[in-house]
C-alpha atoms as a PDB file:
ATOM      1  CA  UNK A   1      62.302  88.244 109.491  1.00  0.00           C
ATOM      2  CA  UNK A   2      64.238  86.862 106.527  1.00  0.00           C
ATOM      3  CA  UNK A   3      66.309  89.234 104.433  1.00  0.00           C
ATOM      4  CA  UNK A   4      65.228  90.393 101.027  1.00  0.00           C
ATOM      5  CA  UNK A   5      67.477  90.161  97.971  1.00  0.00           C
ATOM      6  CA  UNK A   6      71.108  91.262  98.228  1.00  0.00           C
ATOM      7  CA  UNK A   7      71.074  94.272  95.921  1.00  0.00           C
ATOM      8  CA  UNK A   8      74.686  95.224  96.638  1.00  0.00           C
ATOM      9  CA  UNK A   9      77.175  92.364  96.543  1.00  0.00           C
ATOM     10  CA  UNK A  10      80.888  92.933  97.154  1.00  0.00           C
ATOM     11  CA  UNK A  11      83.442  90.258  96.236  1.00  0.00           C
ATOM     12  CA  UNK A  12      87.026  89.666  97.344  1.00  0.00           C
ATOM     13  CA  UNK A  13      88.251  87.733  94.310  1.00  0.00           C
ATOM     14  CA  UNK A  14      90.936  85.602  95.918  1.00  0.00           C
ATOM     15  CA  UNK A  15      92.823  82.595  94.616  1.00  0.00           C
ATOM     16  CA  UNK A  16      93.880  83.491  91.068  1.00  0.00           C
ATOM     17  CA  UNK A  17      97.589  82.936  91.633  1.00  0.00           C
ATOM     18  CA  UNK A  18      97.024  79.796  93.682  1.00  0.00           C
ATOM     19  CA  UNK A  19      94.768  78.381  90.956  1.00  0.00           C
ATOM     20  CA  UNK A  20      97.521  78.828  88.373  1.00  0.00           C
ATOM     21  CA  UNK A  21     100.295  77.464  90.597  1.00  0.00           C
ATOM     22  CA  UNK A  22      98.249  74.335  91.322  1.00  0.00           C
ATOM     23  CA  UNK A  23      98.153  73.712  87.584  1.00  0.00           C
ATOM     24  CA  UNK A  24     101.851  74.404  87.116  1.00  0.00           C
ATOM     25  CA  UNK A  25     101.259  77.706  85.314  1.00  0.00           C
ATOM     26  CA  UNK A  26     102.558  81.247  85.958  1.00  0.00           C
ATOM     27  CA  UNK A  27     100.452  83.282  88.404  1.00  0.00           C
ATOM     28  CA  UNK A  28      99.471  85.764  85.698  1.00  0.00           C
ATOM     29  CA  UNK A  29      97.628  83.001  83.865  1.00  0.00           C
ATOM     30  CA  UNK A  30      95.382  82.762  86.908  1.00  0.00           C
ATOM     31  CA  UNK A  31      94.795  86.503  86.916  1.00  0.00           C
ATOM     32  CA  UNK A  32      93.815  86.422  83.248  1.00  0.00           C
ATOM     33  CA  UNK A  33      91.420  83.570  83.946  1.00  0.00           C
ATOM     34  CA  UNK A  34      90.049  85.567  86.874  1.00  0.00           C
ATOM     35  CA  UNK A  35      89.339  88.506  84.578  1.00  0.00           C
ATOM     36  CA  UNK A  36      87.368  86.200  82.299  1.00  0.00           C
ATOM     37  CA  UNK A  37      85.360  85.049  85.303  1.00  0.00           C
ATOM     38  CA  UNK A  38      84.519  88.660  86.138  1.00  0.00           C
ATOM     39  CA  UNK A  39      82.852  88.964  82.739  1.00  0.00           C
ATOM     40  CA  UNK A  40      80.579  86.010  83.494  1.00  0.00           C
ATOM     41  CA  UNK A  41      79.626  87.260  86.949  1.00  0.00           C
ATOM     42  CA  UNK A  42      78.897  90.761  85.646  1.00  0.00           C
ATOM     43  CA  UNK A  43      76.717  89.276  82.923  1.00  0.00           C
ATOM     44  CA  UNK A  44      74.595  87.193  85.309  1.00  0.00           C
ATOM     45  CA  UNK A  45      74.390  89.651  88.226  1.00  0.00           C
ATOM     46  CA  UNK A  46      71.302  91.652  87.135  1.00  0.00           C
ATOM     47  CA  UNK A  47      69.286  88.455  86.672  1.00  0.00           C
ATOM     48  CA  UNK A  48      70.000  87.611  90.325  1.00  0.00           C
ATOM     49  CA  UNK A  49      68.627  90.928  91.557  1.00  0.00           C
ATOM     50  CA  UNK A  50      72.056  92.493  92.019  1.00  0.00           C
ATOM     51  CA  UNK A  51      72.027  96.211  91.253  1.00  0.00           C
ATOM     52  CA  UNK A  52      75.479  97.063  92.638  1.00  0.00           C
ATOM     53  CA  UNK A  53      78.499  94.787  92.254  1.00  0.00           C
ATOM     54  CA  UNK A  54      81.785  95.838  93.863  1.00  0.00           C
ATOM     55  CA  UNK A  55      84.913  93.772  93.237  1.00  0.00           C
ATOM     56  CA  UNK A  56      88.317  93.947  94.930  1.00  0.00           C
ATOM     57  CA  UNK A  57      90.881  93.915  92.129  1.00  0.00           C
ATOM     58  CA  UNK A  58      94.072  95.337  93.683  1.00  0.00           C
ATOM     59  CA  UNK A  59      94.775  96.399  97.249  1.00  0.00           C
ATOM     60  CA  UNK A  60      97.149  98.996  98.638  1.00  0.00           C
ATOM     61  CA  UNK A  61      99.167  96.054  99.969  1.00  0.00           C
ATOM     62  CA  UNK A  62      99.448  94.281  96.607  1.00  0.00           C
ATOM     63  CA  UNK A  63     102.345  96.541  95.604  1.00  0.00           C
ATOM     64  CA  UNK A  64     104.471  94.197  97.730  1.00  0.00           C
ATOM     65  CA  UNK A  65     104.186  91.521  95.041  1.00  0.00           C
ATOM     66  CA  UNK A  66     106.839  91.043  92.385  1.00  0.00           C
ATOM     67  CA  UNK A  67     107.269  93.770  89.790  1.00  0.00           C
ATOM     68  CA  UNK A  68     106.375  91.268  87.068  1.00  0.00           C
ATOM     69  CA  UNK A  69     103.083  90.374  88.714  1.00  0.00           C
ATOM     70  CA  UNK A  70     102.141  93.993  89.473  1.00  0.00           C
ATOM     71  CA  UNK A  71     102.878  95.136  85.923  1.00  0.00           C
ATOM     72  CA  UNK A  72     101.009  92.136  84.573  1.00  0.00           C
ATOM     73  CA  UNK A  73      97.965  92.949  86.683  1.00  0.00           C
ATOM     74  CA  UNK A  74      97.962  96.555  85.530  1.00  0.00           C
ATOM     75  CA  UNK A  75      98.106  95.362  81.931  1.00  0.00           C
ATOM     76  CA  UNK A  76      95.154  93.033  82.566  1.00  0.00           C
ATOM     77  CA  UNK A  77      93.151  95.902  84.057  1.00  0.00           C
ATOM     78  CA  UNK A  78      93.848  98.079  81.008  1.00  0.00           C
ATOM     79  CA  UNK A  79      92.923  95.322  78.547  1.00  0.00           C
ATOM     80  CA  UNK A  80      89.713  94.585  80.429  1.00  0.00           C
ATOM     81  CA  UNK A  81      88.629  98.222  80.214  1.00  0.00           C
ATOM     82  CA  UNK A  82      89.536  98.483  76.526  1.00  0.00           C
ATOM     83  CA  UNK A  83      87.901  95.202  75.498  1.00  0.00           C
ATOM     84  CA  UNK A  84      84.808  95.400  77.686  1.00  0.00           C
ATOM     85  CA  UNK A  85      83.851  99.041  77.130  1.00  0.00           C
ATOM     86  CA  UNK A  86      81.513  98.333  74.218  1.00  0.00           C
ATOM     87  CA  UNK A  87      79.843  95.365  75.892  1.00  0.00           C
ATOM     88  CA  UNK A  88      79.326  97.172  79.174  1.00  0.00           C
ATOM     89  CA  UNK A  89      77.737 100.076  77.339  1.00  0.00           C
ATOM     90  CA  UNK A  90      75.547  97.746  75.282  1.00  0.00           C
ATOM     91  CA  UNK A  91      74.332  96.023  78.454  1.00  0.00           C
ATOM     92  CA  UNK A  92      73.737  99.314  80.323  1.00  0.00           C
ATOM     93  CA  UNK A  93      76.410  98.608  82.931  1.00  0.00           C
ATOM     94  CA  UNK A  94      77.902 101.583  84.724  1.00  0.00           C
ATOM     95  CA  UNK A  95      81.552 101.130  85.647  1.00  0.00           C
ATOM     96  CA  UNK A  96      83.452 103.167  88.198  1.00  0.00           C
ATOM     97  CA  UNK A  97      86.523 102.819  90.393  1.00  0.00           C
ATOM     98  CA  UNK A  98      87.400 103.370  94.029  1.00  0.00           C
ATOM     99  CA  UNK A  99      90.835 103.644  95.604  1.00  0.00           C
ATOM    100  CA  UNK A 100      93.778 106.028  95.403  1.00  0.00           C
ATOM    101  CA  UNK A 101      94.560 106.537  91.716  1.00  0.00           C
ATOM    102  CA  UNK A 102      97.630 108.706  92.231  1.00  0.00           C
ATOM    103  CA  UNK A 103     100.073 105.782  92.109  1.00  0.00           C
ATOM    104  CA  UNK A 104      98.553 104.213  88.997  1.00  0.00           C
ATOM    105  CA  UNK A 105     100.029 104.659  85.524  1.00  0.00           C
ATOM    106  CA  UNK A 106      98.619 107.807  83.848  1.00  0.00           C
ATOM    107  CA  UNK A 107      97.484 105.791  80.822  1.00  0.00           C
ATOM    108  CA  UNK A 108      95.479 103.466  83.064  1.00  0.00           C
ATOM    109  CA  UNK A 109      94.028 106.455  84.908  1.00  0.00           C
ATOM    110  CA  UNK A 110      92.914 107.891  81.574  1.00  0.00           C
ATOM    111  CA  UNK A 111      91.232 104.623  80.579  1.00  0.00           C
ATOM    112  CA  UNK A 112      89.469 104.489  83.926  1.00  0.00           C
ATOM    113  CA  UNK A 113      88.188 108.042  83.623  1.00  0.00           C
ATOM    114  CA  UNK A 114      87.098 107.407  80.054  1.00  0.00           C
ATOM    115  CA  UNK A 115      84.933 104.374  80.781  1.00  0.00           C
ATOM    116  CA  UNK A 116      83.472 106.068  83.853  1.00  0.00           C
ATOM    117  CA  UNK A 117      82.368 108.971  81.681  1.00  0.00           C
ATOM    118  CA  UNK A 118      81.076 106.746  78.898  1.00  0.00           C
ATOM    119  CA  UNK A 119      78.930 104.600  81.196  1.00  0.00           C
ATOM    120  CA  UNK A 120      77.922 107.168  83.811  1.00  0.00           C
ATOM    121  CA  UNK A 121      74.222 107.238  82.854  1.00  0.00           C
ATOM    122  CA  UNK A 122      73.651 103.461  82.816  1.00  0.00           C
ATOM    123  CA  UNK A 123      71.688 101.853  85.640  1.00  0.00           C
ATOM    124  CA  UNK A 124      71.051  98.173  84.872  1.00  0.00           C
ATOM    125  CA  UNK A 125      74.124  97.258  86.939  1.00  0.00           C
ATOM    126  CA  UNK A 126      76.558  99.448  88.851  1.00  0.00           C
ATOM    127  CA  UNK A 127      79.989  97.793  88.637  1.00  0.00           C
ATOM    128  CA  UNK A 128      82.585  99.248  90.995  1.00  0.00           C
ATOM    129  CA  UNK A 129      86.194  98.082  90.822  1.00  0.00           C
ATOM    130  CA  UNK A 130      88.526  98.679  93.777  1.00  0.00           C
ATOM    131  CA  UNK A 131      92.058  99.362  92.483  1.00  0.00           C
ATOM    132  CA  UNK A 132      94.846 100.451  94.821  1.00  0.00           C
ATOM    133  CA  UNK A 133      92.177 100.358  97.484  1.00  0.00           C
ATOM    134  CA  UNK A 134      92.550  99.792 101.203  1.00  0.00           C
ATOM    135  CA  UNK A 135      89.861 100.466 103.752  1.00  0.00           C
ATOM    136  CA  UNK A 136      92.200 102.048 106.274  1.00  0.00           C
ATOM    137  CA  UNK A 137      93.761 104.197 103.561  1.00  0.00           C
ATOM    138  CA  UNK A 138      90.291 105.326 102.474  1.00  0.00           C
ATOM    139  CA  UNK A 139      89.322 106.256 106.028  1.00  0.00           C
ATOM    140  CA  UNK A 140      92.643 108.054 106.572  1.00  0.00           C
ATOM    141  CA  UNK A 141      92.120 110.097 103.396  1.00  0.00           C
ATOM    142  CA  UNK A 142      88.602 110.940 104.555  1.00  0.00           C
ATOM    143  CA  UNK A 143      89.779 112.025 108.011  1.00  0.00           C
ATOM    144  CA  UNK A 144      92.487 114.160 106.403  1.00  0.00           C
ATOM    145  CA  UNK A 145      89.927 115.876 104.148  1.00  0.00           C
ATOM    146  CA  UNK A 146      87.651 116.652 107.086  1.00  0.00           C
ATOM    147  CA  UNK A 147      90.597 117.830 109.201  1.00  0.00           C
ATOM    148  CA  UNK A 148      91.569 120.279 106.472  1.00  0.00           C
ATOM    149  CA  UNK A 149      88.040 121.709 106.525  1.00  0.00           C
ATOM    150  CA  UNK A 150      88.246 122.063 110.299  1.00  0.00           C
ATOM    151  CA  UNK A 151      91.641 123.783 110.047  1.00  0.00           C
ATOM    152  CA  UNK A 152      90.240 126.198 107.469  1.00  0.00           C
ATOM    153  CA  UNK A 153      87.365 127.077 109.757  1.00  0.00           C
ATOM    154  CA  UNK A 154      84.812 125.637 107.341  1.00  0.00           C
ATOM    155  CA  UNK A 155      83.738 122.791 109.622  1.00  0.00           C
ATOM    156  CA  UNK A 156      83.043 122.464 113.337  1.00  0.00           C
ATOM    157  CA  UNK A 157      84.379 119.162 114.718  1.00  0.00           C
ATOM    158  CA  UNK A 158      81.136 118.768 116.659  1.00  0.00           C
ATOM    159  CA  UNK A 159      79.282 118.582 113.352  1.00  0.00           C
ATOM    160  CA  UNK A 160      81.172 115.535 112.100  1.00  0.00           C
ATOM    161  CA  UNK A 161      78.733 112.617 111.987  1.00  0.00           C
ATOM    162  CA  UNK A 162      78.760 109.077 110.657  1.00  0.00           C
ATOM    163  CA  UNK A 163      76.731 110.319 107.706  1.00  0.00           C
ATOM    164  CA  UNK A 164      79.294 113.019 106.959  1.00  0.00           C
ATOM    165  CA  UNK A 165      82.127 110.489 107.043  1.00  0.00           C
ATOM    166  CA  UNK A 166      80.206 108.191 104.692  1.00  0.00           C
ATOM    167  CA  UNK A 167      79.653 111.118 102.347  1.00  0.00           C
ATOM    168  CA  UNK A 168      83.433 111.660 102.064  1.00  0.00           C
ATOM    169  CA  UNK A 169      84.386 108.031 101.389  1.00  0.00           C
ATOM    170  CA  UNK A 170      85.213 106.737  97.911  1.00  0.00           C
ATOM    171  CA  UNK A 171      81.840 104.979  97.978  1.00  0.00           C
ATOM    172  CA  UNK A 172      79.840 108.130  98.788  1.00  0.00           C
ATOM    173  CA  UNK A 173      77.401 107.478  95.943  1.00  0.00           C
ATOM    174  CA  UNK A 174      76.951 103.751  96.638  1.00  0.00           C
ATOM    175  CA  UNK A 175      74.729 101.995  99.168  1.00  0.00           C
ATOM    176  CA  UNK A 176      76.437  99.865 101.798  1.00  0.00           C
ATOM    177  CA  UNK A 177      76.923  96.237 100.704  1.00  0.00           C
ATOM    178  CA  UNK A 178      74.327  93.692 101.767  1.00  0.00           C
ATOM    179  CA  UNK A 179      76.619  90.730 101.174  1.00  0.00           C
ATOM    180  CA  UNK A 180      80.398  90.323 101.016  1.00  0.00           C
ATOM    181  CA  UNK A 181      81.797  87.181  99.407  1.00  0.00           C
ATOM    182  CA  UNK A 182      85.391  85.995  99.657  1.00  0.00           C
ATOM    183  CA  UNK A 183      86.658  83.105  97.595  1.00  0.00           C
ATOM    184  CA  UNK A 184      89.601  80.696  98.092  1.00  0.00           C
ATOM    185  CA  UNK A 185      88.797  79.522 101.611  1.00  0.00           C
ATOM    186  CA  UNK A 186      90.416  82.449 103.415  1.00  0.00           C
ATOM    187  CA  UNK A 187      88.277  83.966 106.164  1.00  0.00           C
ATOM    188  CA  UNK A 188      89.841  87.418 106.387  1.00  0.00           C
ATOM    189  CA  UNK A 189      88.188  90.627 105.251  1.00  0.00           C
ATOM    190  CA  UNK A 190      91.585  92.007 104.143  1.00  0.00           C
ATOM    191  CA  UNK A 191      90.876  95.688 104.676  1.00  0.00           C
ATOM    192  CA  UNK A 192      87.985  95.660 102.184  1.00  0.00           C
ATOM    193  CA  UNK A 193      85.159  98.126 102.865  1.00  0.00           C
ATOM    194  CA  UNK A 194      85.533  98.028 106.679  1.00  0.00           C
ATOM    195  CA  UNK A 195      83.290 101.051 107.227  1.00  0.00           C
ATOM    196  CA  UNK A 196      80.690 100.200 104.615  1.00  0.00           C
ATOM    197  CA  UNK A 197      80.398  96.499 105.441  1.00  0.00           C
ATOM    198  CA  UNK A 198      79.863  96.940 109.186  1.00  0.00           C
ATOM    199  CA  UNK A 199      76.459  95.250 108.953  1.00  0.00           C
ATOM    200  CA  UNK A 200      76.931  93.202 105.810  1.00  0.00           C
ATOM    201  CA  UNK A 201      76.460  89.456 105.732  1.00  0.00           C
ATOM    202  CA  UNK A 202      79.589  87.453 104.858  1.00  0.00           C
ATOM    203  CA  UNK A 203      80.032  84.314 102.790  1.00  0.00           C
ATOM    204  CA  UNK A 204      83.418  82.576 102.678  1.00  0.00           C
ATOM    205  CA  UNK A 205      83.705  80.133  99.793  1.00  0.00           C
ATOM    206  CA  UNK A 206      86.339  77.433  99.413  1.00  0.00           C
ATOM    207  CA  UNK A 207      86.249  77.900  95.628  1.00  0.00           C
ATOM    208  CA  UNK A 208      89.199  79.671  94.002  1.00  0.00           C
ATOM    209  CA  UNK A 209      88.047  82.712  92.035  1.00  0.00           C
ATOM    210  CA  UNK A 210      88.763  81.317  88.526  1.00  0.00           C
ATOM    211  CA  UNK A 211      86.392  78.428  89.381  1.00  0.00           C
ATOM    212  CA  UNK A 212      83.664  80.656  90.845  1.00  0.00           C
ATOM    213  CA  UNK A 213      80.756  80.220  88.448  1.00  0.00           C
ATOM    214  CA  UNK A 214      77.400  81.996  88.074  1.00  0.00           C
ATOM    215  CA  UNK A 215      75.813  78.826  89.461  1.00  0.00           C
ATOM    216  CA  UNK A 216      77.807  79.164  92.683  1.00  0.00           C
ATOM    217  CA  UNK A 217      76.797  82.810  92.983  1.00  0.00           C
ATOM    218  CA  UNK A 218      73.164  81.838  92.398  1.00  0.00           C
ATOM    219  CA  UNK A 219      73.346  79.330  95.260  1.00  0.00           C
ATOM    220  CA  UNK A 220      74.879  81.916  97.613  1.00  0.00           C
ATOM    221  CA  UNK A 221      72.236  84.456  96.697  1.00  0.00           C
ATOM    222  CA  UNK A 222      69.443  81.994  97.402  1.00  0.00           C
ATOM    223  CA  UNK A 223      70.859  81.269 100.867  1.00  0.00           C
ATOM    224  CA  UNK A 224      71.210  84.960 101.626  1.00  0.00           C
ATOM    225  CA  UNK A 225      67.452  85.406 101.525  1.00  0.00           C
ATOM    226  CA  UNK A 226      67.082  83.045 104.491  1.00  0.00           C
ATOM    227  CA  UNK A 227      69.323  85.056 106.805  1.00  0.00           C
ATOM    228  CA  UNK A 228      68.182  87.593 109.378  1.00  0.00           C
ATOM    229  CA  UNK A 229      69.691  91.038 109.907  1.00  0.00           C
ATOM    230  CA  UNK A 230      69.076  92.585 113.331  1.00  0.00           C
ATOM    231  CA  UNK A 231      71.390  95.622 113.483  1.00  0.00           C
ATOM    232  CA  UNK A 232      72.008  94.962 117.186  1.00  0.00           C
ATOM    233  CA  UNK A 233      68.351  94.387 117.980  1.00  0.00           C
ATOM    234  CA  UNK A 234      66.298  91.242 118.414  1.00  0.00           C
ATOM    235  CA  UNK A 235      63.914  89.420 116.158  1.00  0.00           C
ATOM    236  CA  UNK A 236      60.287  90.254 116.831  1.00  0.00           C
ATOM    237  CA  UNK A 237      57.426  88.076 115.697  1.00  0.00           C
END
């Protein structure tokens, strides 16, 4: 049986720096162009049947990049939140963040919390941005939280289920993704939603993220509907 629409699409937005370098520009120019592309994809997503859009903006491993690039990325994140807040609200887009916020600048944390509060009741599109996110880090934090409950005598280890683990992840109030897209031609999942995407379909695009248009997303979404998801079973006619 063919799949229905992909209501939750997750995207690894790869290739910003490479796009800029190919053109002889600083890497941050590519990141700024990538942020502009996010606006276009967010705008078209509801018309494609997407109700949840989760994008990978900054991983726990990205701190290894140069100080200039990291600071530049954080500045881009802050400007995006400040400049897009009114438009997101006007278009009934809820915005939230996943990842470990503790290492982020307090001013950025405040902006994040502010837009989450402002858009919390909107439902046309649920936009989730992963910042300082790593799947293994998320699972480790979840295991630690459950272990503390066990140590306090508030939880029996025998009662820990897959559902309980899911309920303690950063994405506890999101459905699992139906489709994960990675741009730039790389075919790694890069520690992005490893628990949640266990049964997701994957699409690896050769296109660098700044060149990833709504038309390309439309084509991917149309192909998704022709796939079959079996969850370990077999297709029955």
